Every structure is written in C-alpha cells, then in structure tokens.
Amino acid sequence: MDSEELLAQLADIHLPEPVSYWPPAIGWWILAAIALVLLVILYRKFASKQRQRKICQYALAELQRCYDSYSQADAATSDQNKLDYVNQFNTVVRRVALVHYPQANAASLDGASWVDFIRQKGDSSLLSDDIATALQFGRFQTKCDVDVDAMQGFGQQWIQSLYIGDKKPNEDSSNETASASRGLSSDA
C-alpha cells in the first residue's frame, strides 16, 4: 500500500463540540453562591436600617404629639401644662429606652440614675441642668419651670441619636438593636 491509499483511508478531522454554557463550572457556582449571600446580607442591612428609621419616626411622632398637646393647652394653667408635658415627655423617652435597651432595666431607674442613663446612652449635648432637673423630679413637683422648646429639641436629638446614628460607642448596643425593632412598633 502506498501512502496515498493510506491517507485516503483516514477520516477527516473532527472538531470538538463547542463548550456549552450549561452546566457552568464549579467556580461559577461558588461565585453565584457568594453573590447571593452578599445580596441577602445587603438586603437585611437595608431592611434593618429602614425598620430603625420607621421606629424613630414613630417615637418622634409620639414626642411631637406631647408637644402639640402642650402647645394647644390653655395658657392660664401653664404650670400644670408644663408638668403634664414633662411627664408625657418622660414617658416617651422611657418607652424608647425600654425598647432600645431592654437589658438595662430602664423602667426601674429614677432621679439621678435616670438622667445618668440618658447621658450615657445617647447624644445628650442639649441636656441642660433645667431639663435634667425636670426629668429627675418632674413627676413629684407642683410647679415646673423648664423651657419646653429646649426639652423638645433635646428629646428629638436623643431619640434620633439612638435610632439613626451619631450614638456614642456602647458595648451593649449590638444585642439590643434587634429587640428594639420589635417593641416600639407594637407600642407606637
């Protein structure tokens, strides 16, 4: 047999099948799983942030209702109106503290320990001595001389610092943020 006959007996060169996109290689599966996990984490962070903002809005709305109640009250009984406002303010701030810091036993705090708790947990740069005195002894006074507008501003700042940010670093806030979203939404 000569070489031409042998070459004629050979089959043509067959190209391999083109590489299919499905099923993908293991690296693509791993990359897809990592991307999915990252998307879930980002969604949870976003949802948590939105939940915190909503709870903050509820708390601020409750505080605003207290202020509106004071503003619309009769001017003739201004001392009683201020006392009512201080008590309502204190109730809202205490509810926020109970929801945001459930392990801190904020319900049992009173007087100077209550004011110290407020100073430690949130932004208290607007907490003046008059406001601190009103928070300490407001429930037990017959006359209250506090600047209601300043107290309202302090309350808004303190609540926003807890829920939106600008909070002082705290070692026990990480465990309490999750429970904060459950409690205040049912209260508000």
Protein backbone atom coordinates (compact mmCIF):
# COMPACT_ATOMS: atom_id res chain seq x y z
CA MET A 1 0.00 0.00 0.00
CA ASP A 2 1.29 3.26 -0.88
CA SER A 3 0.96 6.39 1.19
CA GLU A 4 -1.85 7.90 -0.86
CA GLU A 5 -4.09 4.95 -0.25
CA LEU A 6 -3.34 5.10 3.42
CA LEU A 7 -4.15 8.80 3.54
CA ALA A 8 -7.43 8.19 1.72
CA GLN A 9 -8.48 5.73 4.39
CA LEU A 10 -8.07 8.31 7.15
CA ALA A 11 -11.20 10.05 8.37
CA ASP A 12 -11.50 13.80 8.28
CA ILE A 13 -10.51 15.81 11.33
CA HIS A 14 -13.49 16.30 13.62
CA LEU A 15 -13.57 19.47 15.67
CA PRO A 16 -14.73 19.03 19.25
CA GLU A 17 -18.20 20.11 20.26
CA PRO A 18 -18.31 23.79 21.28
CA VAL A 19 -18.06 24.34 25.01
CA SER A 20 -21.54 24.65 26.48
CA TYR A 21 -22.50 27.37 28.91
CA TRP A 22 -24.62 24.94 30.88
CA PRO A 23 -23.84 23.49 33.34
CA PRO A 24 -21.33 26.06 34.48
CA ALA A 25 -18.06 25.13 36.06
CA ILE A 26 -17.75 24.85 39.84
CA GLY A 27 -16.08 28.26 40.08
CA TRP A 28 -19.17 29.94 38.65
CA TRP A 29 -21.40 28.12 41.15
CA ILE A 30 -19.21 29.31 44.02
CA LEU A 31 -19.23 32.86 42.67
CA ALA A 32 -23.03 32.77 42.32
CA ALA A 33 -23.41 31.49 45.90
CA ILE A 34 -21.15 34.24 47.24
CA ALA A 35 -23.07 36.86 45.27
CA LEU A 36 -26.38 35.53 46.61
CA VAL A 37 -25.12 35.59 50.20
CA LEU A 38 -23.89 39.16 49.75
CA LEU A 39 -27.25 40.22 48.31
CA VAL A 40 -29.09 38.70 51.27
CA ILE A 41 -26.77 40.44 53.73
CA LEU A 42 -27.19 43.78 51.97
CA TYR A 43 -30.96 43.39 51.87
CA ARG A 44 -31.10 42.58 55.59
CA LYS A 45 -28.97 45.60 56.44
CA PHE A 46 -31.16 47.81 54.29
CA ALA A 47 -34.35 46.39 55.81
CA SER A 48 -32.95 46.81 59.32
CA LYS A 49 -31.99 50.41 58.61
CA GLN A 50 -35.46 51.12 57.21
CA ARG A 51 -37.08 49.48 60.25
CA GLN A 52 -34.94 51.62 62.57
CA ARG A 53 -35.93 54.77 60.69
CA LYS A 54 -39.60 53.85 60.92
CA ILE A 55 -39.38 53.18 64.66
CA CYS A 56 -37.59 56.51 65.06
CA GLN A 57 -40.37 58.25 63.16
CA TYR A 58 -42.99 56.66 65.43
CA ALA A 59 -41.12 57.75 68.55
CA LEU A 60 -40.62 61.28 67.21
CA ALA A 61 -44.30 61.47 66.25
CA GLU A 62 -45.27 60.46 69.79
CA LEU A 63 -42.97 63.12 71.17
CA GLN A 64 -44.47 65.67 68.79
CA ARG A 65 -47.98 64.73 69.98
CA CYS A 66 -46.90 65.56 73.53
CA TYR A 67 -45.57 68.92 72.38
CA ASP A 68 -48.70 69.67 70.34
CA SER A 69 -50.85 68.82 73.36
CA TYR A 70 -48.83 71.29 75.42
CA SER A 71 -48.99 74.00 72.73
CA GLN A 72 -52.74 73.75 72.34
CA ALA A 73 -53.46 73.80 76.08
CA ASP A 74 -54.89 76.78 77.91
CA ALA A 75 -52.25 79.37 78.83
CA ALA A 76 -53.93 80.06 82.18
CA THR A 77 -52.80 76.72 83.55
CA SER A 78 -49.29 76.85 82.13
CA ASP A 79 -47.61 75.33 85.20
CA GLN A 80 -49.89 72.32 85.08
CA ASN A 81 -49.41 72.09 81.30
CA LYS A 82 -45.63 72.08 81.73
CA LEU A 83 -45.89 69.35 84.35
CA ASP A 84 -48.12 67.32 82.05
CA TYR A 85 -45.67 67.82 79.20
CA VAL A 86 -42.67 66.82 81.35
CA ASN A 87 -44.49 63.66 82.46
CA GLN A 88 -45.54 62.78 78.91
CA PHE A 89 -42.03 63.53 77.64
CA ASN A 90 -40.51 61.36 80.34
CA THR A 91 -42.92 58.54 79.44
CA VAL A 92 -41.99 58.64 75.75
CA VAL A 93 -38.25 58.78 76.45
CA ARG A 94 -38.57 55.93 78.94
CA ARG A 95 -40.51 53.82 76.41
CA VAL A 96 -37.79 54.43 73.83
CA ALA A 97 -35.15 53.45 76.39
CA LEU A 98 -37.07 50.29 77.32
CA VAL A 99 -37.34 49.24 73.71
CA HIS A 100 -33.82 50.17 72.71
CA TYR A 101 -32.09 48.87 75.86
CA PRO A 102 -34.25 46.05 77.26
CA GLN A 103 -31.46 44.58 79.42
CA ALA A 104 -30.67 47.91 81.08
CA ASN A 105 -33.74 47.91 83.38
CA ALA A 106 -34.60 51.47 82.41
CA ALA A 107 -38.04 51.10 83.97
CA SER A 108 -36.59 50.88 87.46
CA LEU A 109 -34.37 53.95 87.09
CA ASP A 110 -35.39 57.24 88.65
CA GLY A 111 -33.90 60.52 89.68
CA ALA A 112 -30.19 60.97 89.06
CA SER A 113 -29.73 57.40 87.83
CA TRP A 114 -32.36 58.00 85.13
CA VAL A 115 -30.60 61.17 83.95
CA ASP A 116 -27.21 59.40 84.03
CA PHE A 117 -28.69 56.63 81.89
CA ILE A 118 -29.91 59.20 79.37
CA ARG A 119 -26.48 60.86 79.31
CA GLN A 120 -24.67 57.56 78.75
CA LYS A 121 -26.86 56.02 76.08
CA GLY A 122 -27.50 58.77 73.55
CA ASP A 123 -26.44 62.20 72.42
CA SER A 124 -27.12 64.41 75.40
CA SER A 125 -25.37 67.58 74.29
CA LEU A 126 -28.64 69.55 74.61
CA LEU A 127 -29.38 68.21 78.10
CA SER A 128 -29.25 71.30 80.30
CA ASP A 129 -29.41 71.35 84.07
CA ASP A 130 -33.03 72.56 83.96
CA ILE A 131 -34.07 69.68 81.72
CA ALA A 132 -32.14 67.21 83.89
CA THR A 133 -33.89 68.53 87.00
CA ALA A 134 -37.27 68.29 85.30
CA LEU A 135 -36.54 64.68 84.31
CA GLN A 136 -35.37 63.82 87.82
CA PHE A 137 -38.13 65.42 89.84
CA GLY A 138 -40.85 66.40 87.36
CA ARG A 139 -43.34 63.79 88.49
CA PHE A 140 -43.12 64.96 92.09
CA GLN A 141 -43.23 68.73 91.65
CA THR A 142 -46.19 71.03 91.84
CA LYS A 143 -44.53 73.70 89.74
CA CYS A 144 -42.13 73.18 86.88
CA ASP A 145 -40.01 75.88 85.31
CA VAL A 146 -38.43 74.31 82.24
CA ASP A 147 -38.04 75.53 78.68
CA VAL A 148 -40.40 73.20 76.85
CA ASP A 149 -38.96 74.06 73.44
CA ALA A 150 -35.43 73.17 74.59
CA MET A 151 -36.73 69.98 76.14
CA GLN A 152 -38.49 69.04 72.91
CA GLY A 153 -35.29 69.67 70.93
CA PHE A 154 -33.31 67.54 73.35
CA GLY A 155 -35.83 64.70 73.11
CA GLN A 156 -35.75 64.72 69.33
CA GLN A 157 -31.96 64.76 69.27
CA TRP A 158 -31.68 61.96 71.83
CA ILE A 159 -34.14 59.67 70.03
CA GLN A 160 -32.53 60.30 66.65
CA SER A 161 -29.09 59.56 68.07
CA LEU A 162 -30.31 56.15 69.23
CA TYR A 163 -32.02 55.06 66.05
CA ILE A 164 -30.39 56.86 63.16
CA GLY A 165 -26.84 57.14 64.36
CA ASP A 166 -24.42 59.59 65.89
CA LYS A 167 -24.67 57.47 69.00
CA LYS A 168 -21.85 57.31 71.48
CA PRO A 169 -19.98 54.00 71.29
CA ASN A 170 -21.56 51.48 73.58
CA GLU A 171 -20.69 47.89 74.36
CA ASP A 172 -24.24 46.64 74.89
CA SER A 173 -25.99 48.25 71.93
CA SER A 174 -25.36 45.44 69.44
CA ASN A 175 -27.58 42.94 71.25
CA GLU A 176 -30.34 45.42 71.90
CA THR A 177 -30.91 46.80 68.42
CA ALA A 178 -32.73 43.69 67.22
CA SER A 179 -35.17 43.75 70.10
CA ALA A 180 -35.75 47.47 69.63
CA SER A 181 -37.46 46.90 66.31
CA ARG A 182 -39.95 44.50 67.88
CA GLY A 183 -41.01 46.52 70.91
CA LEU A 184 -41.62 50.09 69.83
CA SER A 185 -43.50 49.20 66.66
CA SER A 186 -46.13 47.46 68.76
CA ASP A 187 -46.22 50.36 71.24
CA ALA A 188 -46.49 53.17 68.70
